[in-house]
Amino acid sequence: MAFNAAVVTFPGSNCDRDMVVALEKVSGVAPHRVWHGDADLPQGLDFIALPGGFSYGDYLRCGAIASRSPIMQAVIKAAERGVPVLGVCNGFQVLTESGLLPGALLRNAGLDFVCREVSLEVANAQTLFTGGYEAGQIIRIPVAHHDGNYFADGATLDRLEGEGRVAFRYAESVNGSARQIAGVLNNAGNVLGMMPHPERAIEATHGGTDGRTLFESAIRGLMDA
């Protein structure tokens, strides 16, 4: 069975092509390209990706306008049916603004744009997206964001940790995120939002392959299901 994925592009997305290339290189199948103004997603999708960038120029709040794009209603319904959704960087911001994930992404501590490779700890290796890693494994993934400071109230943070919904943590100080959280899951485990860019770490010639494991894990888990 062929892997059937889609990548959504918003006005201001700039990592959509990176995501398309990563999915095609890992799965062997080119994903659908979906425009934010479309009302419907392709039929029979196995996977949806919301890429990084600066949707709508980050007006109002990062991801706020994009979360109201016509296609997001279809993405929300697909997620509720159990279709895996990955939101990276601006995609993570869209997921929080749309209510698919709890919390919010605030300005980085120090108000600096952070663009470099960082160390991440795999906090939960028993998810669709992280099954190819080991719990506690340290991986190297690039980041590029100005609003990646994850915030949620204490009760929400306790719940996320208690339910194993923290997928990745920063192993170093990066942006001031609460409890060093770099990626979180929804309650069902089929929606992952993360600030680091795994699609930029799939080839050794580009600096590393630690991000490739995330895509391989998801594809293998879906194909074996």
C-alpha atoms as a PDB file:
ATOM      1  CA  MET A   1       0.000   0.000   0.000  1.00  0.00           C
ATOM      2  CA  ALA A   2       1.433   3.383  -1.022  1.00  0.00           C
ATOM      3  CA  PHE A   3       1.940   6.038   1.620  1.00  0.00           C
ATOM      4  CA  ASN A   4      -0.599   8.819   0.993  1.00  0.00           C
ATOM      5  CA  ALA A   5       0.508  12.117   2.556  1.00  0.00           C
ATOM      6  CA  ALA A   6      -0.283  15.808   2.133  1.00  0.00           C
ATOM      7  CA  VAL A   7       1.621  18.989   2.897  1.00  0.00           C
ATOM      8  CA  VAL A   8      -0.400  22.167   3.444  1.00  0.00           C
ATOM      9  CA  THR A   9       0.971  25.492   2.192  1.00  0.00           C
ATOM     10  CA  PHE A  10      -0.119  28.806   3.707  1.00  0.00           C
ATOM     11  CA  PRO A  11       0.769  32.284   2.418  1.00  0.00           C
ATOM     12  CA  GLY A  12       4.217  32.807   3.933  1.00  0.00           C
ATOM     13  CA  SER A  13       5.143  29.131   4.322  1.00  0.00           C
ATOM     14  CA  ASN A  14       8.810  28.632   3.473  1.00  0.00           C
ATOM     15  CA  CYS A  15       9.514  25.079   4.581  1.00  0.00           C
ATOM     16  CA  ASP A  16       6.747  23.362   2.618  1.00  0.00           C
ATOM     17  CA  ARG A  17       9.110  22.234  -0.125  1.00  0.00           C
ATOM     18  CA  ASP A  18      11.552  20.899   2.491  1.00  0.00           C
ATOM     19  CA  MET A  19       8.721  18.854   3.998  1.00  0.00           C
ATOM     20  CA  VAL A  20       7.640  17.564   0.585  1.00  0.00           C
ATOM     21  CA  VAL A  21      11.200  16.499  -0.244  1.00  0.00           C
ATOM     22  CA  ALA A  22      11.646  14.784   3.137  1.00  0.00           C
ATOM     23  CA  LEU A  23       8.417  12.819   2.857  1.00  0.00           C
ATOM     24  CA  GLU A  24       9.163  11.746  -0.690  1.00  0.00           C
ATOM     25  CA  LYS A  25      12.748  10.730   0.086  1.00  0.00           C
ATOM     26  CA  VAL A  26      11.729   8.651   3.089  1.00  0.00           C
ATOM     27  CA  SER A  27       8.509   7.116   1.736  1.00  0.00           C
ATOM     28  CA  GLY A  28       9.336   6.957  -1.968  1.00  0.00           C
ATOM     29  CA  VAL A  29       6.019   8.637  -2.788  1.00  0.00           C
ATOM     30  CA  ALA A  30       5.514  12.341  -3.503  1.00  0.00           C
ATOM     31  CA  PRO A  31       2.948  13.873  -1.131  1.00  0.00           C
ATOM     32  CA  HIS A  32      -0.006  15.940  -2.283  1.00  0.00           C
ATOM     33  CA  ARG A  33       0.460  19.710  -2.235  1.00  0.00           C
ATOM     34  CA  VAL A  34      -2.571  21.361  -0.610  1.00  0.00           C
ATOM     35  CA  TRP A  35      -3.296  25.107  -0.646  1.00  0.00           C
ATOM     36  CA  HIS A  36      -4.627  26.789   2.488  1.00  0.00           C
ATOM     37  CA  GLY A  37      -7.697  28.047   0.642  1.00  0.00           C
ATOM     38  CA  ASP A  38      -8.823  24.574  -0.411  1.00  0.00           C
ATOM     39  CA  ALA A  39     -11.935  23.341   1.327  1.00  0.00           C
ATOM     40  CA  ASP A  40     -11.100  19.644   1.199  1.00  0.00           C
ATOM     41  CA  LEU A  41      -8.146  17.325   1.601  1.00  0.00           C
ATOM     42  CA  PRO A  42      -7.335  14.497  -0.826  1.00  0.00           C
ATOM     43  CA  GLN A  43      -9.164  11.278  -0.054  1.00  0.00           C
ATOM     44  CA  GLY A  44      -7.603   8.471   1.929  1.00  0.00           C
ATOM     45  CA  LEU A  45      -4.743  10.397   3.511  1.00  0.00           C
ATOM     46  CA  ASP A  46      -2.378   8.565   5.840  1.00  0.00           C
ATOM     47  CA  PHE A  47      -0.483  11.649   7.018  1.00  0.00           C
ATOM     48  CA  ILE A  48      -0.796  15.454   7.035  1.00  0.00           C
ATOM     49  CA  ALA A  49       2.060  17.916   7.561  1.00  0.00           C
ATOM     50  CA  LEU A  50       1.840  21.603   8.413  1.00  0.00           C
ATOM     51  CA  PRO A  51       5.232  23.140   7.568  1.00  0.00           C
ATOM     52  CA  GLY A  52       7.317  25.938   9.001  1.00  0.00           C
ATOM     53  CA  GLY A  53       7.412  29.518   7.803  1.00  0.00           C
ATOM     54  CA  PHE A  54       5.724  32.811   8.581  1.00  0.00           C
ATOM     55  CA  SER A  55       2.102  32.272   7.603  1.00  0.00           C
ATOM     56  CA  TYR A  56       0.350  35.586   6.928  1.00  0.00           C
ATOM     57  CA  GLY A  57       3.511  37.381   8.014  1.00  0.00           C
ATOM     58  CA  ASP A  58       2.914  36.340  11.640  1.00  0.00           C
ATOM     59  CA  TYR A  59       0.268  39.073  11.962  1.00  0.00           C
ATOM     60  CA  LEU A  60      -1.853  39.057  15.144  1.00  0.00           C
ATOM     61  CA  ARG A  61      -0.032  36.017  16.578  1.00  0.00           C
ATOM     62  CA  CYS A  62       2.061  33.394  14.847  1.00  0.00           C
ATOM     63  CA  GLY A  63      -0.292  30.872  13.270  1.00  0.00           C
ATOM     64  CA  ALA A  64      -3.458  32.692  14.352  1.00  0.00           C
ATOM     65  CA  ILE A  65      -4.746  33.632  10.895  1.00  0.00           C
ATOM     66  CA  ALA A  66      -3.592  30.377   9.299  1.00  0.00           C
ATOM     67  CA  SER A  67      -5.528  28.434  11.914  1.00  0.00           C
ATOM     68  CA  ARG A  68      -8.702  29.964  10.444  1.00  0.00           C
ATOM     69  CA  SER A  69      -7.851  29.033   6.847  1.00  0.00           C
ATOM     70  CA  PRO A  70     -10.534  26.962   5.072  1.00  0.00           C
ATOM     71  CA  ILE A  71      -8.326  23.862   4.904  1.00  0.00           C
ATOM     72  CA  MET A  72      -7.909  23.759   8.674  1.00  0.00           C
ATOM     73  CA  GLN A  73     -11.473  22.617   9.212  1.00  0.00           C
ATOM     74  CA  ALA A  74     -10.677  19.586   7.082  1.00  0.00           C
ATOM     75  CA  VAL A  75      -7.386  19.058   8.964  1.00  0.00           C
ATOM     76  CA  ILE A  76      -9.179  19.207  12.319  1.00  0.00           C
ATOM     77  CA  LYS A  77     -11.782  16.684  11.171  1.00  0.00           C
ATOM     78  CA  ALA A  78      -9.065  14.372   9.825  1.00  0.00           C
ATOM     79  CA  ALA A  79      -7.161  14.586  13.119  1.00  0.00           C
ATOM     80  CA  GLU A  80     -10.339  13.774  15.021  1.00  0.00           C
ATOM     81  CA  ARG A  81     -10.714  10.666  12.831  1.00  0.00           C
ATOM     82  CA  GLY A  82      -7.218   9.601  13.830  1.00  0.00           C
ATOM     83  CA  VAL A  83      -5.182  10.733  10.806  1.00  0.00           C
ATOM     84  CA  PRO A  84      -1.638  11.607  11.975  1.00  0.00           C
ATOM     85  CA  VAL A  85      -0.825  15.319  11.766  1.00  0.00           C
ATOM     86  CA  LEU A  86       2.672  16.754  12.147  1.00  0.00           C
ATOM     87  CA  GLY A  87       3.098  20.490  12.686  1.00  0.00           C
ATOM     88  CA  VAL A  88       6.652  21.842  12.589  1.00  0.00           C
ATOM     89  CA  CYS A  89       7.619  25.334  13.800  1.00  0.00           C
ATOM     90  CA  ASN A  90       4.901  27.575  12.324  1.00  0.00           C
ATOM     91  CA  GLY A  91       2.875  24.381  11.904  1.00  0.00           C
ATOM     92  CA  PHE A  92       3.147  23.827  15.672  1.00  0.00           C
ATOM     93  CA  GLN A  93       1.886  27.359  16.213  1.00  0.00           C
ATOM     94  CA  VAL A  94      -1.066  26.677  13.886  1.00  0.00           C
ATOM     95  CA  LEU A  95      -1.908  23.510  15.823  1.00  0.00           C
ATOM     96  CA  THR A  96      -2.048  25.370  19.139  1.00  0.00           C
ATOM     97  CA  GLU A  97      -4.043  28.252  17.655  1.00  0.00           C
ATOM     98  CA  SER A  98      -6.543  25.813  16.123  1.00  0.00           C
ATOM     99  CA  GLY A  99      -7.044  23.991  19.430  1.00  0.00           C
ATOM    100  CA  LEU A 100      -5.590  20.677  18.245  1.00  0.00           C
ATOM    101  CA  LEU A 101      -2.815  21.029  20.832  1.00  0.00           C
ATOM    102  CA  PRO A 102      -2.786  22.770  24.222  1.00  0.00           C
ATOM    103  CA  GLY A 103      -0.608  25.703  25.146  1.00  0.00           C
ATOM    104  CA  ALA A 104       0.834  28.573  23.145  1.00  0.00           C
ATOM    105  CA  LEU A 105       4.126  29.603  21.550  1.00  0.00           C
ATOM    106  CA  LEU A 106       5.418  32.917  22.904  1.00  0.00           C
ATOM    107  CA  ARG A 107       8.351  35.133  21.919  1.00  0.00           C
ATOM    108  CA  ASN A 108      11.696  33.538  22.693  1.00  0.00           C
ATOM    109  CA  ALA A 109      13.300  34.465  25.974  1.00  0.00           C
ATOM    110  CA  GLY A 110      15.649  37.313  25.161  1.00  0.00           C
ATOM    111  CA  LEU A 111      13.550  38.158  22.099  1.00  0.00           C
ATOM    112  CA  ASP A 112      16.185  36.702  19.784  1.00  0.00           C
ATOM    113  CA  PHE A 113      15.610  34.747  16.585  1.00  0.00           C
ATOM    114  CA  VAL A 114      17.294  31.376  17.158  1.00  0.00           C
ATOM    115  CA  CYS A 115      18.667  29.593  14.081  1.00  0.00           C
ATOM    116  CA  ARG A 116      21.051  26.720  14.777  1.00  0.00           C
ATOM    117  CA  GLU A 117      21.258  23.021  15.456  1.00  0.00           C
ATOM    118  CA  VAL A 118      20.189  22.044  18.967  1.00  0.00           C
ATOM    119  CA  SER A 119      20.216  18.938  21.141  1.00  0.00           C
ATOM    120  CA  LEU A 120      16.880  17.293  21.920  1.00  0.00           C
ATOM    121  CA  GLU A 121      16.038  14.568  24.394  1.00  0.00           C
ATOM    122  CA  VAL A 122      13.468  12.006  23.275  1.00  0.00           C
ATOM    123  CA  ALA A 123      11.051  12.163  26.192  1.00  0.00           C
ATOM    124  CA  ASN A 124       8.650   9.471  24.965  1.00  0.00           C
ATOM    125  CA  ALA A 125       9.810   6.802  22.525  1.00  0.00           C
ATOM    126  CA  GLN A 126       6.510   4.929  22.494  1.00  0.00           C
ATOM    127  CA  THR A 127       4.555   7.073  20.043  1.00  0.00           C
ATOM    128  CA  LEU A 128       3.826   6.809  16.341  1.00  0.00           C
ATOM    129  CA  PHE A 129       6.348   9.548  15.630  1.00  0.00           C
ATOM    130  CA  THR A 130       9.130   8.497  18.011  1.00  0.00           C
ATOM    131  CA  GLY A 131       9.084   4.701  17.972  1.00  0.00           C
ATOM    132  CA  GLY A 132      12.402   4.519  16.153  1.00  0.00           C
ATOM    133  CA  TYR A 133      14.245   6.386  18.911  1.00  0.00           C
ATOM    134  CA  GLU A 134      15.253   5.268  22.394  1.00  0.00           C
ATOM    135  CA  ALA A 135      13.798   6.949  25.470  1.00  0.00           C
ATOM    136  CA  GLY A 136      16.293   9.518  26.689  1.00  0.00           C
ATOM    137  CA  GLN A 137      18.210   9.495  23.404  1.00  0.00           C
ATOM    138  CA  ILE A 138      19.871  12.793  22.519  1.00  0.00           C
ATOM    139  CA  ILE A 139      19.424  13.824  18.896  1.00  0.00           C
ATOM    140  CA  ARG A 140      20.515  16.879  16.921  1.00  0.00           C
ATOM    141  CA  ILE A 141      17.882  18.827  14.951  1.00  0.00           C
ATOM    142  CA  PRO A 142      17.949  22.394  13.541  1.00  0.00           C
ATOM    143  CA  VAL A 143      15.689  25.151  14.855  1.00  0.00           C
ATOM    144  CA  ALA A 144      14.773  28.489  13.276  1.00  0.00           C
ATOM    145  CA  HIS A 145      12.202  30.516  15.190  1.00  0.00           C
ATOM    146  CA  HIS A 146      11.469  33.726  17.025  1.00  0.00           C
ATOM    147  CA  ASP A 147       8.287  32.543  18.764  1.00  0.00           C
ATOM    148  CA  GLY A 148       9.126  29.066  20.029  1.00  0.00           C
ATOM    149  CA  ASN A 149       8.798  29.613  23.775  1.00  0.00           C
ATOM    150  CA  TYR A 150       6.228  26.955  24.732  1.00  0.00           C
ATOM    151  CA  PHE A 151       3.843  28.054  27.474  1.00  0.00           C
ATOM    152  CA  ALA A 152       0.980  26.357  29.306  1.00  0.00           C
ATOM    153  CA  ASP A 153      -0.373  26.667  32.832  1.00  0.00           C
ATOM    154  CA  GLY A 154       1.011  24.393  35.518  1.00  0.00           C
ATOM    155  CA  ALA A 155      -1.937  22.013  35.538  1.00  0.00           C
ATOM    156  CA  THR A 156      -1.698  21.530  31.780  1.00  0.00           C
ATOM    157  CA  LEU A 157       2.043  20.931  31.964  1.00  0.00           C
ATOM    158  CA  ASP A 158       1.557  18.366  34.737  1.00  0.00           C
ATOM    159  CA  ARG A 159      -1.091  16.620  32.660  1.00  0.00           C
ATOM    160  CA  LEU A 160       1.077  16.553  29.547  1.00  0.00           C
ATOM    161  CA  GLU A 161       3.973  15.056  31.481  1.00  0.00           C
ATOM    162  CA  GLY A 162       1.798  12.610  33.411  1.00  0.00           C
ATOM    163  CA  GLU A 163       0.140  11.344  30.236  1.00  0.00           C
ATOM    164  CA  GLY A 164       3.406  10.959  28.326  1.00  0.00           C
ATOM    165  CA  ARG A 165       2.459  13.676  25.861  1.00  0.00           C
ATOM    166  CA  VAL A 166       5.806  15.460  25.926  1.00  0.00           C
ATOM    167  CA  ALA A 167       7.568  13.977  22.903  1.00  0.00           C
ATOM    168  CA  PHE A 168      10.788  16.025  22.921  1.00  0.00           C
ATOM    169  CA  ARG A 169      12.615  18.309  25.322  1.00  0.00           C
ATOM    170  CA  TYR A 170      15.474  20.676  24.696  1.00  0.00           C
ATOM    171  CA  ALA A 171      18.637  19.279  26.231  1.00  0.00           C
ATOM    172  CA  GLU A 172      20.017  22.814  26.399  1.00  0.00           C
ATOM    173  CA  SER A 173      18.633  26.302  26.943  1.00  0.00           C
ATOM    174  CA  VAL A 174      17.145  27.440  23.626  1.00  0.00           C
ATOM    175  CA  ASN A 175      14.106  29.705  23.926  1.00  0.00           C
ATOM    176  CA  GLY A 176      12.732  29.667  27.469  1.00  0.00           C
ATOM    177  CA  SER A 177      10.118  26.961  26.889  1.00  0.00           C
ATOM    178  CA  ALA A 178       8.343  25.742  30.006  1.00  0.00           C
ATOM    179  CA  ARG A 179      10.065  22.619  31.304  1.00  0.00           C
ATOM    180  CA  GLN A 180      12.274  22.661  28.189  1.00  0.00           C
ATOM    181  CA  ILE A 181       9.398  21.296  26.091  1.00  0.00           C
ATOM    182  CA  ALA A 182      10.172  21.132  22.373  1.00  0.00           C
ATOM    183  CA  GLY A 183       7.310  18.951  21.136  1.00  0.00           C
ATOM    184  CA  VAL A 184       3.917  17.825  22.447  1.00  0.00           C
ATOM    185  CA  LEU A 185       1.203  15.358  21.445  1.00  0.00           C
ATOM    186  CA  ASN A 186      -2.557  15.482  21.591  1.00  0.00           C
ATOM    187  CA  ASN A 187      -4.454  13.132  23.883  1.00  0.00           C
ATOM    188  CA  ALA A 188      -4.888  10.498  21.163  1.00  0.00           C
ATOM    189  CA  GLY A 189      -1.215  10.618  20.192  1.00  0.00           C
ATOM    190  CA  ASN A 190      -1.848  11.221  16.484  1.00  0.00           C
ATOM    191  CA  VAL A 191      -1.039  14.957  16.455  1.00  0.00           C
ATOM    192  CA  LEU A 192       2.512  16.135  17.118  1.00  0.00           C
ATOM    193  CA  GLY A 193       3.665  19.733  17.227  1.00  0.00           C
ATOM    194  CA  MET A 194       7.368  20.526  17.508  1.00  0.00           C
ATOM    195  CA  MET A 195       9.515  23.604  16.981  1.00  0.00           C
ATOM    196  CA  PRO A 196      12.686  21.865  15.678  1.00  0.00           C
ATOM    197  CA  HIS A 197      12.762  20.912  11.981  1.00  0.00           C
ATOM    198  CA  PRO A 198      13.164  17.141  11.435  1.00  0.00           C
ATOM    199  CA  GLU A 199      12.722  17.637   7.673  1.00  0.00           C
ATOM    200  CA  ARG A 200      16.057  19.469   7.670  1.00  0.00           C
ATOM    201  CA  ALA A 201      17.890  16.499   9.177  1.00  0.00           C
ATOM    202  CA  ILE A 202      17.276  13.591   6.812  1.00  0.00           C
ATOM    203  CA  GLU A 203      20.535  13.459   4.871  1.00  0.00           C
ATOM    204  CA  ALA A 204      24.099  13.140   6.132  1.00  0.00           C
ATOM    205  CA  THR A 205      25.306  15.524   3.424  1.00  0.00           C
ATOM    206  CA  HIS A 206      23.074  18.216   4.934  1.00  0.00           C
ATOM    207  CA  GLY A 207      24.480  17.759   8.416  1.00  0.00           C
ATOM    208  CA  GLY A 208      22.708  14.774   9.959  1.00  0.00           C
ATOM    209  CA  THR A 209      19.959  12.174   9.767  1.00  0.00           C
ATOM    210  CA  ASP A 210      18.380  12.312  13.224  1.00  0.00           C
ATOM    211  CA  GLY A 211      15.173  13.776  11.807  1.00  0.00           C
ATOM    212  CA  ARG A 212      14.767  10.980   9.291  1.00  0.00           C
ATOM    213  CA  THR A 213      13.930   8.551  12.096  1.00  0.00           C
ATOM    214  CA  LEU A 214      10.781  10.505  12.931  1.00  0.00           C
ATOM    215  CA  PHE A 215       9.404  10.090   9.408  1.00  0.00           C
ATOM    216  CA  GLU A 216      10.508   6.466   9.200  1.00  0.00           C
ATOM    217  CA  SER A 217       8.808   5.742  12.521  1.00  0.00           C
ATOM    218  CA  ALA A 218       5.510   7.265  11.432  1.00  0.00           C
ATOM    219  CA  ILE A 219       5.508   5.602   8.023  1.00  0.00           C
ATOM    220  CA  ARG A 220       6.448   2.195   9.423  1.00  0.00           C
ATOM    221  CA  GLY A 221       3.830   2.460  12.151  1.00  0.00           C
ATOM    222  CA  LEU A 222       1.119   3.387   9.666  1.00  0.00           C
ATOM    223  CA  MET A 223       2.055   0.725   7.140  1.00  0.00           C
ATOM    224  CA  ASP A 224       2.227  -1.973   9.838  1.00  0.00           C
ATOM    225  CA  ALA A 225      -1.125  -1.007  11.343  1.00  0.00           C
END
